[in-house]
């Protein structure tokens, strides 16, 4: 997955509209992008915007008493939105998320031609990326203090996350297919051996 562009407005410290285009100078030529700034400057809000646009929720609010995403709206504002342009599997997508303080959040997912794909964004994103929200936050979007979540995951959870992130699950499919072929060959050999064992030995007279 590649994040191409991020837009947001009315979320936490970002009252006005903000756009970060990773495909324009000076970010387009950067192999590594660091988000830095003092506490409260909005570093985590940028990650929040990506998460809500893709999954409709964010790690920052998970496990708190204020889990509803309306708590992301800037103080004094009545609405907010986030948009993420991203690329996955050589296909570009555009996910949007918006919310009003007295309303429910709305999300939409578009293709590269701005044709609406679905309003069930989280479900479709999970299918596209092969990562549900928990796997995404543990592997792609480790928020502050969340690195331990990946380290504390059990072996099976880590395996699922790493396979989805690295795209290596196909090797499990190939391994299973190979094992099936080996089993089929072994079964055929056993059948042939059984038939050979049932053939009576020829006597000396028959051989002469």
N, C-alpha and C. Protein backbone atom coordinates (compact mmCIF):
# COMPACT_ATOMS: atom_id res chain seq x y z
N UNK A 1 0.84 -1.19 0.00
CA UNK A 1 0.00 0.00 0.00
C UNK A 1 0.88 1.25 0.00
N UNK A 2 0.45 2.25 -0.77
CA UNK A 2 1.18 3.51 -0.83
C UNK A 2 0.20 4.67 -0.65
N UNK A 3 0.46 5.52 0.34
CA UNK A 3 -0.35 6.71 0.54
C UNK A 3 0.13 7.77 -0.45
N UNK A 4 -0.77 8.26 -1.29
CA UNK A 4 -0.40 9.24 -2.32
C UNK A 4 -0.71 10.67 -1.89
N UNK A 5 -1.85 10.85 -1.26
CA UNK A 5 -2.24 12.21 -0.84
C UNK A 5 -3.20 12.13 0.34
N UNK A 6 -3.10 13.13 1.22
CA UNK A 6 -3.96 13.20 2.39
C UNK A 6 -4.55 14.60 2.50
N UNK A 7 -5.86 14.67 2.73
CA UNK A 7 -6.54 15.96 2.93
C UNK A 7 -7.40 15.85 4.18
N UNK A 8 -7.44 16.92 4.97
CA UNK A 8 -8.29 16.91 6.15
C UNK A 8 -8.66 18.34 6.54
N UNK A 9 -9.72 18.44 7.31
CA UNK A 9 -10.18 19.75 7.79
C UNK A 9 -11.07 19.54 9.00
N UNK A 10 -10.93 20.43 9.98
CA UNK A 10 -11.81 20.39 11.14
C UNK A 10 -11.56 19.24 12.08
N UNK A 11 -10.35 18.69 12.06
CA UNK A 11 -10.01 17.58 12.95
C UNK A 11 -8.93 18.03 13.93
N UNK A 12 -9.26 17.99 15.20
CA UNK A 12 -8.34 18.37 16.28
C UNK A 12 -7.68 19.72 16.00
N UNK A 13 -6.36 19.75 15.89
CA UNK A 13 -5.67 21.04 15.74
C UNK A 13 -5.74 21.60 14.32
N UNK A 14 -6.26 20.83 13.37
CA UNK A 14 -6.33 21.29 11.98
C UNK A 14 -7.73 21.84 11.69
N UNK A 15 -7.95 23.10 12.03
CA UNK A 15 -9.25 23.72 11.78
C UNK A 15 -9.44 24.00 10.29
N UNK A 16 -8.41 24.55 9.67
CA UNK A 16 -8.48 24.84 8.25
C UNK A 16 -8.11 23.62 7.43
N UNK A 17 -8.37 23.70 6.13
CA UNK A 17 -8.08 22.56 5.26
C UNK A 17 -6.58 22.40 5.05
N UNK A 18 -6.13 21.16 5.15
CA UNK A 18 -4.72 20.83 4.98
C UNK A 18 -4.60 19.75 3.91
N UNK A 19 -3.63 19.90 3.03
CA UNK A 19 -3.39 18.89 2.00
C UNK A 19 -1.91 18.54 1.98
N UNK A 20 -1.62 17.25 2.04
CA UNK A 20 -0.24 16.77 1.94
C UNK A 20 -0.17 15.83 0.74
N UNK A 21 0.54 16.26 -0.28
CA UNK A 21 0.65 15.47 -1.51
C UNK A 21 2.04 14.83 -1.55
N UNK A 22 2.07 13.52 -1.36
CA UNK A 22 3.34 12.81 -1.33
C UNK A 22 3.92 12.57 -2.72
N UNK A 23 3.18 12.98 -3.75
CA UNK A 23 3.65 12.80 -5.12
C UNK A 23 4.12 14.11 -5.75
N UNK A 24 4.19 15.16 -4.94
CA UNK A 24 4.69 16.44 -5.41
C UNK A 24 5.93 16.82 -4.61
N UNK A 25 6.76 17.66 -5.21
CA UNK A 25 7.99 18.13 -4.56
C UNK A 25 7.63 18.89 -3.28
N UNK A 26 8.40 18.72 -2.22
CA UNK A 26 9.65 17.97 -2.12
C UNK A 26 9.48 16.53 -1.65
N UNK A 27 8.23 16.09 -1.44
CA UNK A 27 8.01 14.76 -0.87
C UNK A 27 8.13 13.65 -1.90
N UNK A 28 7.93 13.97 -3.19
CA UNK A 28 7.92 12.92 -4.20
C UNK A 28 9.26 12.22 -4.34
N UNK A 29 10.35 12.91 -4.02
CA UNK A 29 11.66 12.30 -4.16
C UNK A 29 12.21 11.75 -2.86
N UNK A 30 11.40 11.80 -1.81
CA UNK A 30 11.88 11.35 -0.50
C UNK A 30 11.66 9.86 -0.32
N UNK A 31 12.70 9.17 0.12
CA UNK A 31 12.57 7.73 0.39
C UNK A 31 12.03 7.49 1.79
N UNK A 32 12.11 8.52 2.64
CA UNK A 32 11.63 8.42 4.01
C UNK A 32 11.05 9.76 4.42
N UNK A 33 9.85 9.74 5.00
CA UNK A 33 9.20 10.97 5.46
C UNK A 33 8.99 10.89 6.96
N UNK A 34 9.48 11.88 7.68
CA UNK A 34 9.33 11.94 9.13
C UNK A 34 8.35 13.05 9.50
N UNK A 35 7.41 12.73 10.39
CA UNK A 35 6.46 13.72 10.88
C UNK A 35 6.96 14.19 12.25
N UNK A 36 7.38 15.43 12.34
CA UNK A 36 7.93 15.94 13.59
C UNK A 36 7.19 17.20 14.02
N UNK A 37 7.32 17.54 15.29
CA UNK A 37 6.68 18.74 15.80
C UNK A 37 6.42 18.61 17.28
N UNK A 38 6.14 19.73 17.94
CA UNK A 38 5.89 19.70 19.39
C UNK A 38 4.57 19.01 19.72
N UNK A 39 4.40 18.67 20.97
CA UNK A 39 3.16 18.04 21.43
C UNK A 39 1.96 18.94 21.13
N UNK A 40 0.93 18.35 20.54
CA UNK A 40 -0.27 19.11 20.22
C UNK A 40 -0.26 19.76 18.86
N UNK A 41 0.81 19.55 18.09
CA UNK A 41 0.90 20.20 16.78
C UNK A 41 0.10 19.46 15.71
N UNK A 42 -0.32 18.23 16.00
CA UNK A 42 -1.17 17.52 15.04
C UNK A 42 -0.54 16.32 14.37
N UNK A 43 0.58 15.84 14.88
CA UNK A 43 1.24 14.68 14.26
C UNK A 43 0.32 13.46 14.25
N UNK A 44 -0.24 13.15 15.41
CA UNK A 44 -1.10 11.98 15.51
C UNK A 44 -2.41 12.18 14.75
N UNK A 45 -2.85 13.43 14.63
CA UNK A 45 -4.09 13.70 13.90
C UNK A 45 -3.96 13.32 12.43
N UNK A 46 -2.77 13.47 11.87
CA UNK A 46 -2.56 13.05 10.48
C UNK A 46 -2.78 11.55 10.35
N UNK A 47 -2.31 10.80 11.34
CA UNK A 47 -2.52 9.35 11.33
C UNK A 47 -3.99 9.03 11.58
N UNK A 48 -4.63 9.82 12.45
CA UNK A 48 -6.07 9.64 12.69
C UNK A 48 -6.84 9.80 11.39
N UNK A 49 -6.48 10.82 10.61
CA UNK A 49 -7.18 11.10 9.36
C UNK A 49 -7.08 9.93 8.39
N UNK A 50 -5.91 9.33 8.31
CA UNK A 50 -5.72 8.17 7.43
C UNK A 50 -6.60 7.01 7.90
N UNK A 51 -6.60 6.78 9.20
CA UNK A 51 -7.36 5.64 9.75
C UNK A 51 -8.87 5.81 9.57
N UNK A 52 -9.40 7.00 9.87
CA UNK A 52 -10.85 7.17 9.76
C UNK A 52 -11.30 7.14 8.31
N UNK A 53 -10.46 7.63 7.40
CA UNK A 53 -10.82 7.60 5.99
C UNK A 53 -10.89 6.16 5.47
N UNK A 54 -10.00 5.31 5.99
CA UNK A 54 -9.95 3.92 5.52
C UNK A 54 -10.86 2.98 6.31
N UNK A 55 -10.92 3.18 7.63
CA UNK A 55 -11.64 2.23 8.48
C UNK A 55 -12.75 2.85 9.33
N UNK A 56 -12.85 4.17 9.33
CA UNK A 56 -13.91 4.81 10.10
C UNK A 56 -13.64 4.87 11.59
N UNK A 57 -12.44 4.51 12.01
CA UNK A 57 -12.07 4.60 13.43
C UNK A 57 -10.57 4.76 13.53
N UNK A 58 -10.11 5.07 14.73
CA UNK A 58 -8.70 5.37 14.92
C UNK A 58 -8.19 4.78 16.23
N UNK A 59 -6.92 4.37 16.28
CA UNK A 59 -6.37 3.78 17.50
C UNK A 59 -6.44 4.71 18.70
N UNK A 60 -6.36 6.02 18.47
CA UNK A 60 -6.34 6.96 19.58
C UNK A 60 -7.62 6.89 20.42
N UNK A 61 -8.75 6.64 19.76
CA UNK A 61 -10.02 6.60 20.48
C UNK A 61 -10.40 5.19 20.94
N UNK A 62 -9.70 4.18 20.44
CA UNK A 62 -10.01 2.81 20.83
C UNK A 62 -9.70 2.60 22.31
N UNK A 63 -10.65 1.99 23.01
CA UNK A 63 -10.43 1.70 24.42
C UNK A 63 -10.65 2.88 25.34
N UNK A 64 -11.17 4.00 24.80
CA UNK A 64 -11.45 5.16 25.64
C UNK A 64 -12.96 5.31 25.80
N UNK A 65 -13.37 6.17 26.73
CA UNK A 65 -14.80 6.40 26.93
C UNK A 65 -15.38 7.26 25.82
N UNK A 66 -14.52 7.98 25.11
CA UNK A 66 -14.97 8.84 24.01
C UNK A 66 -14.58 8.22 22.67
N UNK A 67 -15.14 7.05 22.38
CA UNK A 67 -14.74 6.32 21.19
C UNK A 67 -15.38 6.85 19.91
N UNK A 68 -16.48 7.59 20.02
CA UNK A 68 -17.15 8.06 18.81
C UNK A 68 -16.24 9.04 18.07
N UNK A 69 -16.11 8.87 16.75
CA UNK A 69 -15.20 9.72 15.98
C UNK A 69 -15.55 11.20 15.98
N UNK A 70 -16.76 11.57 16.44
CA UNK A 70 -17.08 13.00 16.50
C UNK A 70 -16.15 13.74 17.47
N UNK A 71 -15.50 12.98 18.36
CA UNK A 71 -14.58 13.61 19.29
C UNK A 71 -13.29 14.06 18.60
N UNK A 72 -13.14 13.73 17.31
CA UNK A 72 -12.00 14.22 16.55
C UNK A 72 -12.24 15.63 16.01
N UNK A 73 -13.50 16.05 15.98
CA UNK A 73 -13.83 17.37 15.43
C UNK A 73 -13.18 18.47 16.26
N UNK A 74 -12.60 19.44 15.58
CA UNK A 74 -11.92 20.54 16.26
C UNK A 74 -12.88 21.28 17.18
N UNK A 75 -12.35 21.75 18.30
CA UNK A 75 -13.16 22.50 19.26
C UNK A 75 -13.72 23.75 18.59
N UNK A 76 -15.03 23.93 18.70
CA UNK A 76 -15.68 25.09 18.11
C UNK A 76 -16.15 24.88 16.69
N UNK A 77 -15.75 23.76 16.07
CA UNK A 77 -16.19 23.45 14.71
C UNK A 77 -17.39 22.51 14.75
N UNK A 78 -18.16 22.50 13.68
CA UNK A 78 -19.37 21.67 13.64
C UNK A 78 -19.20 20.43 12.76
N UNK A 79 -18.12 20.38 11.99
CA UNK A 79 -17.91 19.24 11.11
C UNK A 79 -16.44 19.09 10.76
N UNK A 80 -16.11 17.92 10.23
CA UNK A 80 -14.74 17.66 9.81
C UNK A 80 -14.73 16.60 8.73
N UNK A 81 -13.61 16.51 8.02
CA UNK A 81 -13.51 15.48 6.99
C UNK A 81 -12.06 15.05 6.81
N UNK A 82 -11.91 13.87 6.20
CA UNK A 82 -10.58 13.35 5.87
C UNK A 82 -10.69 12.61 4.54
N UNK A 83 -9.66 12.75 3.72
CA UNK A 83 -9.62 12.07 2.43
C UNK A 83 -8.23 11.47 2.24
N UNK A 84 -8.20 10.25 1.76
CA UNK A 84 -6.92 9.58 1.50
C UNK A 84 -6.92 9.03 0.08
N UNK A 85 -5.90 9.41 -0.67
CA UNK A 85 -5.68 8.83 -1.99
C UNK A 85 -4.56 7.81 -1.82
N UNK A 86 -4.82 6.57 -2.21
CA UNK A 86 -3.81 5.54 -2.00
C UNK A 86 -3.77 4.56 -3.17
N UNK A 87 -2.68 3.81 -3.21
CA UNK A 87 -2.48 2.82 -4.26
C UNK A 87 -2.22 1.47 -3.63
N UNK A 88 -2.88 0.45 -4.17
CA UNK A 88 -2.69 -0.92 -3.69
C UNK A 88 -2.91 -1.88 -4.84
N UNK A 89 -2.03 -2.85 -4.97
CA UNK A 89 -2.13 -3.85 -6.04
C UNK A 89 -2.20 -3.19 -7.41
N UNK A 90 -1.38 -2.13 -7.59
CA UNK A 90 -1.29 -1.40 -8.86
C UNK A 90 -2.59 -0.71 -9.25
N UNK A 91 -3.44 -0.45 -8.27
CA UNK A 91 -4.70 0.25 -8.51
C UNK A 91 -4.82 1.41 -7.53
N UNK A 92 -5.32 2.55 -8.02
CA UNK A 92 -5.45 3.74 -7.17
C UNK A 92 -6.89 3.87 -6.67
N UNK A 93 -7.01 4.35 -5.44
CA UNK A 93 -8.31 4.53 -4.81
C UNK A 93 -8.35 5.88 -4.10
N UNK A 94 -9.57 6.29 -3.77
CA UNK A 94 -9.79 7.57 -3.09
C UNK A 94 -10.86 7.33 -2.03
N UNK A 95 -10.47 7.38 -0.76
CA UNK A 95 -11.40 7.14 0.34
C UNK A 95 -11.73 8.46 1.03
N UNK A 96 -13.02 8.71 1.26
CA UNK A 96 -13.44 9.94 1.93
C UNK A 96 -14.21 9.61 3.20
N UNK A 97 -14.12 10.49 4.18
CA UNK A 97 -14.83 10.33 5.45
C UNK A 97 -15.22 11.72 5.94
N UNK A 98 -16.45 11.87 6.36
CA UNK A 98 -16.90 13.16 6.87
C UNK A 98 -17.85 12.93 8.04
N UNK A 99 -17.92 13.94 8.91
CA UNK A 99 -18.79 13.82 10.08
C UNK A 99 -19.23 15.20 10.54
N UNK A 100 -20.46 15.26 11.04
CA UNK A 100 -20.98 16.47 11.66
C UNK A 100 -21.17 16.19 13.15
N UNK A 101 -21.02 17.22 13.96
CA UNK A 101 -21.07 17.01 15.40
C UNK A 101 -22.40 16.40 15.84
N UNK A 102 -23.47 16.70 15.12
CA UNK A 102 -24.77 16.15 15.48
C UNK A 102 -25.24 15.09 14.49
N UNK A 103 -24.31 14.51 13.76
CA UNK A 103 -24.69 13.49 12.79
C UNK A 103 -23.81 12.27 12.87
N UNK A 104 -24.05 11.35 11.97
CA UNK A 104 -23.26 10.12 11.90
C UNK A 104 -22.20 10.26 10.81
N UNK A 105 -21.07 9.59 10.98
CA UNK A 105 -20.02 9.67 9.96
C UNK A 105 -20.45 9.02 8.65
N UNK A 106 -19.93 9.54 7.55
CA UNK A 106 -20.23 8.99 6.23
C UNK A 106 -18.92 8.73 5.50
N UNK A 107 -18.84 7.59 4.84
CA UNK A 107 -17.63 7.24 4.10
C UNK A 107 -17.95 6.78 2.70
N UNK A 108 -17.03 7.03 1.78
CA UNK A 108 -17.19 6.59 0.40
C UNK A 108 -15.83 6.18 -0.15
N UNK A 109 -15.84 5.20 -1.04
CA UNK A 109 -14.60 4.76 -1.69
C UNK A 109 -14.79 4.85 -3.19
N UNK A 110 -13.84 5.53 -3.85
CA UNK A 110 -13.90 5.74 -5.29
C UNK A 110 -12.70 5.08 -5.97
N UNK A 111 -12.86 4.78 -7.26
CA UNK A 111 -11.73 4.27 -8.03
C UNK A 111 -10.96 5.45 -8.62
N UNK A 112 -9.99 5.16 -9.46
CA UNK A 112 -9.13 6.21 -10.00
C UNK A 112 -9.88 7.16 -10.94
N UNK A 113 -11.05 6.73 -11.41
CA UNK A 113 -11.86 7.56 -12.30
C UNK A 113 -12.95 8.30 -11.53
N UNK A 114 -12.85 8.27 -10.20
CA UNK A 114 -13.83 8.91 -9.31
C UNK A 114 -15.21 8.29 -9.43
N UNK A 115 -15.25 7.02 -9.83
CA UNK A 115 -16.50 6.27 -9.83
C UNK A 115 -16.68 5.65 -8.45
N UNK A 116 -17.87 5.81 -7.88
CA UNK A 116 -18.14 5.29 -6.55
C UNK A 116 -18.09 3.76 -6.55
N UNK A 117 -17.29 3.21 -5.65
CA UNK A 117 -17.19 1.76 -5.51
C UNK A 117 -18.17 1.27 -4.45
N UNK A 118 -18.13 1.91 -3.28
CA UNK A 118 -19.00 1.49 -2.19
C UNK A 118 -19.02 2.55 -1.09
N UNK A 119 -20.04 2.47 -0.24
CA UNK A 119 -20.08 3.30 0.96
C UNK A 119 -19.66 2.48 2.18
N UNK A 120 -19.49 1.18 1.98
CA UNK A 120 -18.98 0.31 3.04
C UNK A 120 -17.46 0.26 2.92
N UNK A 121 -16.85 1.37 3.27
CA UNK A 121 -15.43 1.58 2.99
C UNK A 121 -14.54 0.59 3.74
N UNK A 122 -14.75 0.46 5.04
CA UNK A 122 -13.87 -0.40 5.84
C UNK A 122 -13.86 -1.83 5.32
N UNK A 123 -15.04 -2.33 4.97
CA UNK A 123 -15.14 -3.71 4.47
C UNK A 123 -14.37 -3.88 3.17
N UNK A 124 -14.50 -2.90 2.26
CA UNK A 124 -13.82 -2.99 0.97
C UNK A 124 -12.32 -2.79 1.11
N UNK A 125 -11.91 -1.86 1.98
CA UNK A 125 -10.49 -1.62 2.22
C UNK A 125 -9.83 -2.87 2.80
N UNK A 126 -10.53 -3.53 3.71
CA UNK A 126 -10.00 -4.76 4.29
C UNK A 126 -9.77 -5.81 3.21
N UNK A 127 -10.70 -5.88 2.25
CA UNK A 127 -10.55 -6.83 1.15
C UNK A 127 -9.39 -6.44 0.23
N UNK A 128 -9.23 -5.15 -0.03
CA UNK A 128 -8.17 -4.67 -0.92
C UNK A 128 -6.79 -4.88 -0.29
N UNK A 129 -6.66 -4.50 0.97
CA UNK A 129 -5.35 -4.55 1.63
C UNK A 129 -5.05 -5.89 2.26
N UNK A 130 -6.10 -6.67 2.52
CA UNK A 130 -5.88 -7.94 3.23
C UNK A 130 -5.59 -7.72 4.70
N UNK A 131 -5.99 -6.54 5.22
CA UNK A 131 -5.75 -6.19 6.62
C UNK A 131 -7.02 -5.62 7.23
N UNK A 132 -7.46 -6.19 8.36
CA UNK A 132 -8.55 -5.54 9.07
C UNK A 132 -7.96 -4.40 9.89
N UNK A 133 -8.81 -3.68 10.62
CA UNK A 133 -8.33 -2.49 11.34
C UNK A 133 -7.24 -2.83 12.35
N UNK A 134 -7.44 -3.92 13.10
CA UNK A 134 -6.46 -4.29 14.12
C UNK A 134 -5.11 -4.62 13.49
N UNK A 135 -5.13 -5.37 12.38
CA UNK A 135 -3.88 -5.72 11.70
C UNK A 135 -3.23 -4.47 11.11
N UNK A 136 -4.04 -3.56 10.59
CA UNK A 136 -3.52 -2.32 10.01
C UNK A 136 -2.82 -1.47 11.06
N UNK A 137 -3.46 -1.31 12.22
CA UNK A 137 -2.87 -0.46 13.25
C UNK A 137 -1.63 -1.10 13.87
N UNK A 138 -1.54 -2.42 13.83
CA UNK A 138 -0.39 -3.09 14.42
C UNK A 138 0.81 -3.14 13.48
N UNK A 139 0.54 -3.09 12.18
CA UNK A 139 1.64 -3.27 11.24
C UNK A 139 1.95 -2.03 10.42
N UNK A 140 0.92 -1.40 9.86
CA UNK A 140 1.14 -0.24 9.00
C UNK A 140 1.09 1.06 9.77
N UNK A 141 0.19 1.14 10.74
CA UNK A 141 -0.06 2.40 11.44
C UNK A 141 0.12 2.21 12.94
N UNK A 142 1.36 2.07 13.38
CA UNK A 142 1.62 1.92 14.81
C UNK A 142 1.58 3.30 15.47
N UNK A 143 0.48 3.58 16.16
CA UNK A 143 0.34 4.87 16.83
C UNK A 143 1.21 4.94 18.07
N UNK A 144 1.23 6.11 18.70
CA UNK A 144 2.06 6.30 19.88
C UNK A 144 1.70 5.25 20.94
N UNK A 145 2.72 4.57 21.43
CA UNK A 145 2.50 3.57 22.47
C UNK A 145 1.92 2.27 21.97
N UNK A 146 1.69 2.14 20.64
CA UNK A 146 1.04 0.95 20.10
C UNK A 146 2.04 -0.08 19.60
N UNK A 147 3.33 0.24 19.59
CA UNK A 147 4.31 -0.71 19.07
C UNK A 147 4.28 -2.00 19.88
N UNK A 148 3.98 -1.88 21.17
CA UNK A 148 3.93 -3.06 22.03
C UNK A 148 2.81 -4.00 21.60
N UNK A 149 1.77 -3.48 20.93
CA UNK A 149 0.65 -4.32 20.51
C UNK A 149 1.12 -5.40 19.55
N UNK A 150 2.03 -5.03 18.63
CA UNK A 150 2.56 -6.02 17.69
C UNK A 150 3.48 -6.99 18.42
N UNK A 151 4.30 -6.46 19.32
CA UNK A 151 5.24 -7.32 20.04
C UNK A 151 4.51 -8.31 20.95
N UNK A 152 3.34 -7.90 21.47
CA UNK A 152 2.60 -8.75 22.40
C UNK A 152 1.64 -9.71 21.68
N UNK A 153 1.50 -9.55 20.36
CA UNK A 153 0.60 -10.44 19.62
C UNK A 153 1.14 -11.87 19.67
N UNK A 154 0.22 -12.84 19.66
CA UNK A 154 0.69 -14.23 19.68
C UNK A 154 1.25 -14.60 18.31
N UNK A 155 1.84 -15.78 18.22
CA UNK A 155 2.52 -16.19 16.99
C UNK A 155 1.60 -16.20 15.78
N UNK A 156 0.37 -16.68 15.96
CA UNK A 156 -0.56 -16.76 14.84
C UNK A 156 -0.96 -15.37 14.37
N UNK A 157 -1.18 -14.44 15.32
CA UNK A 157 -1.54 -13.07 14.96
C UNK A 157 -0.39 -12.39 14.21
N UNK A 158 0.83 -12.59 14.71
CA UNK A 158 1.99 -12.00 14.03
C UNK A 158 2.14 -12.57 12.62
N UNK A 159 1.93 -13.86 12.49
CA UNK A 159 2.06 -14.52 11.19
C UNK A 159 1.05 -13.94 10.20
N UNK A 160 -0.20 -13.76 10.65
CA UNK A 160 -1.23 -13.19 9.79
C UNK A 160 -0.88 -11.78 9.37
N UNK A 161 -0.40 -10.98 10.32
CA UNK A 161 -0.04 -9.59 10.03
C UNK A 161 1.11 -9.53 9.04
N UNK A 162 2.15 -10.30 9.28
CA UNK A 162 3.33 -10.27 8.42
C UNK A 162 3.02 -10.79 7.02
N UNK A 163 2.18 -11.83 6.94
CA UNK A 163 1.82 -12.36 5.63
C UNK A 163 1.04 -11.34 4.83
N UNK A 164 0.09 -10.69 5.48
CA UNK A 164 -0.73 -9.69 4.79
C UNK A 164 0.10 -8.48 4.39
N UNK A 165 1.02 -8.08 5.27
CA UNK A 165 1.85 -6.91 4.99
C UNK A 165 2.84 -7.18 3.88
N UNK A 166 3.48 -8.34 3.93
CA UNK A 166 4.51 -8.66 2.94
C UNK A 166 3.95 -9.33 1.70
N UNK A 167 2.68 -9.70 1.73
CA UNK A 167 2.07 -10.34 0.57
C UNK A 167 2.62 -11.73 0.31
N UNK A 168 2.94 -12.47 1.37
CA UNK A 168 3.55 -13.79 1.19
C UNK A 168 2.55 -14.92 1.39
N UNK A 169 1.28 -14.61 1.60
CA UNK A 169 0.30 -15.66 1.82
C UNK A 169 0.18 -16.58 0.61
N UNK A 170 0.55 -16.08 -0.57
CA UNK A 170 0.49 -16.90 -1.78
C UNK A 170 1.38 -18.12 -1.65
N UNK A 171 2.46 -18.00 -0.87
CA UNK A 171 3.37 -19.13 -0.71
C UNK A 171 2.72 -20.25 0.10
N UNK A 172 1.82 -19.90 0.99
CA UNK A 172 1.07 -20.93 1.71
C UNK A 172 0.18 -21.70 0.74
N UNK A 173 -0.41 -20.97 -0.21
CA UNK A 173 -1.27 -21.61 -1.21
C UNK A 173 -0.45 -22.56 -2.07
N UNK A 174 0.73 -22.09 -2.51
CA UNK A 174 1.59 -22.92 -3.34
C UNK A 174 2.10 -24.13 -2.56
N UNK A 175 2.43 -23.91 -1.29
CA UNK A 175 2.91 -25.01 -0.45
C UNK A 175 1.84 -26.08 -0.31
N UNK A 176 0.59 -25.64 -0.09
CA UNK A 176 -0.50 -26.59 0.05
C UNK A 176 -0.74 -27.36 -1.24
N UNK A 177 -0.65 -26.64 -2.38
CA UNK A 177 -0.84 -27.30 -3.67
C UNK A 177 0.25 -28.34 -3.90
N UNK A 178 1.49 -28.01 -3.54
CA UNK A 178 2.61 -28.95 -3.69
C UNK A 178 2.42 -30.16 -2.78
N UNK A 179 2.00 -29.91 -1.55
CA UNK A 179 1.75 -31.02 -0.62
C UNK A 179 0.67 -31.95 -1.14
N UNK A 180 -0.36 -31.36 -1.76
CA UNK A 180 -1.44 -32.17 -2.33
C UNK A 180 -0.92 -33.06 -3.46
N UNK A 181 -0.03 -32.50 -4.29
CA UNK A 181 0.53 -33.28 -5.40
C UNK A 181 1.41 -34.41 -4.87
N UNK A 182 2.21 -34.10 -3.85
CA UNK A 182 3.07 -35.12 -3.25
C UNK A 182 2.23 -36.25 -2.67
N UNK A 183 1.15 -35.88 -1.99
CA UNK A 183 0.26 -36.89 -1.40
C UNK A 183 -0.37 -37.75 -2.49
N UNK A 184 -0.75 -37.12 -3.61
CA UNK A 184 -1.36 -37.87 -4.71
C UNK A 184 -0.37 -38.86 -5.32
N UNK A 185 0.89 -38.42 -5.50
CA UNK A 185 1.92 -39.30 -6.06
C UNK A 185 2.21 -40.45 -5.10
N UNK A 186 2.30 -40.16 -3.81
CA UNK A 186 2.56 -41.21 -2.83
C UNK A 186 1.42 -42.22 -2.80
N UNK A 187 0.18 -41.74 -2.92
CA UNK A 187 -0.97 -42.64 -2.94
C UNK A 187 -0.94 -43.53 -4.18
N UNK A 188 -0.56 -42.94 -5.33
CA UNK A 188 -0.48 -43.72 -6.57
C UNK A 188 0.61 -44.78 -6.47
N UNK A 189 1.75 -44.40 -5.89
CA UNK A 189 2.85 -45.36 -5.72
C UNK A 189 2.44 -46.51 -4.79
N UNK A 190 1.72 -46.16 -3.73
CA UNK A 190 1.27 -47.19 -2.79
C UNK A 190 0.31 -48.15 -3.47
N UNK A 191 -0.55 -47.61 -4.34
CA UNK A 191 -1.51 -48.46 -5.05
C UNK A 191 -0.80 -49.41 -6.00
N UNK A 192 0.20 -48.89 -6.72
CA UNK A 192 0.97 -49.73 -7.64
C UNK A 192 1.72 -50.81 -6.87
N UNK A 193 2.34 -50.43 -5.75
CA UNK A 193 3.08 -51.40 -4.94
C UNK A 193 2.16 -52.49 -4.42
N UNK A 194 0.95 -52.10 -4.03
CA UNK A 194 -0.01 -53.07 -3.52
C UNK A 194 -0.40 -54.07 -4.61
N UNK A 195 -0.61 -53.57 -5.83
CA UNK A 195 -0.96 -54.45 -6.94
C UNK A 195 0.18 -55.40 -7.28
N UNK A 196 1.41 -54.88 -7.24
CA UNK A 196 2.57 -55.72 -7.54
C UNK A 196 2.73 -56.82 -6.49
N UNK A 197 2.46 -56.48 -5.25
CA UNK A 197 2.59 -57.47 -4.17
C UNK A 197 1.56 -58.58 -4.28
N UNK A 198 0.44 -58.29 -4.95
CA UNK A 198 -0.62 -59.29 -5.08
C UNK A 198 -0.39 -60.23 -6.26
N UNK A 199 0.57 -59.92 -7.10
CA UNK A 199 0.88 -60.80 -8.24
C UNK A 199 1.66 -62.00 -7.73
N UNK A 200 1.17 -63.22 -7.94
CA UNK A 200 1.88 -64.41 -7.44
C UNK A 200 3.22 -64.59 -8.14
N UNK A 201 4.18 -65.12 -7.39
CA UNK A 201 5.50 -65.36 -7.97
C UNK A 201 5.43 -66.52 -8.96
N UNK A 202 6.14 -66.39 -10.04
CA UNK A 202 6.15 -67.45 -11.06
C UNK A 202 7.06 -68.59 -10.60
N UNK A 203 6.63 -69.83 -10.88
CA UNK A 203 7.44 -70.99 -10.53
C UNK A 203 8.58 -71.15 -11.53
N UNK A 204 9.56 -72.03 -11.16
CA UNK A 204 10.69 -72.26 -12.06
C UNK A 204 10.20 -72.83 -13.39
N UNK A 205 9.20 -73.75 -13.31
CA UNK A 205 8.69 -74.35 -14.52
C UNK A 205 8.06 -73.31 -15.45
N UNK A 206 7.33 -72.32 -14.82
CA UNK A 206 6.70 -71.29 -15.64
C UNK A 206 7.73 -70.39 -16.30
N UNK A 207 8.82 -70.17 -15.59
CA UNK A 207 9.86 -69.32 -16.15
C UNK A 207 10.57 -70.02 -17.30
N UNK A 208 10.72 -71.36 -17.20
CA UNK A 208 11.37 -72.12 -18.27
C UNK A 208 10.40 -72.27 -19.44
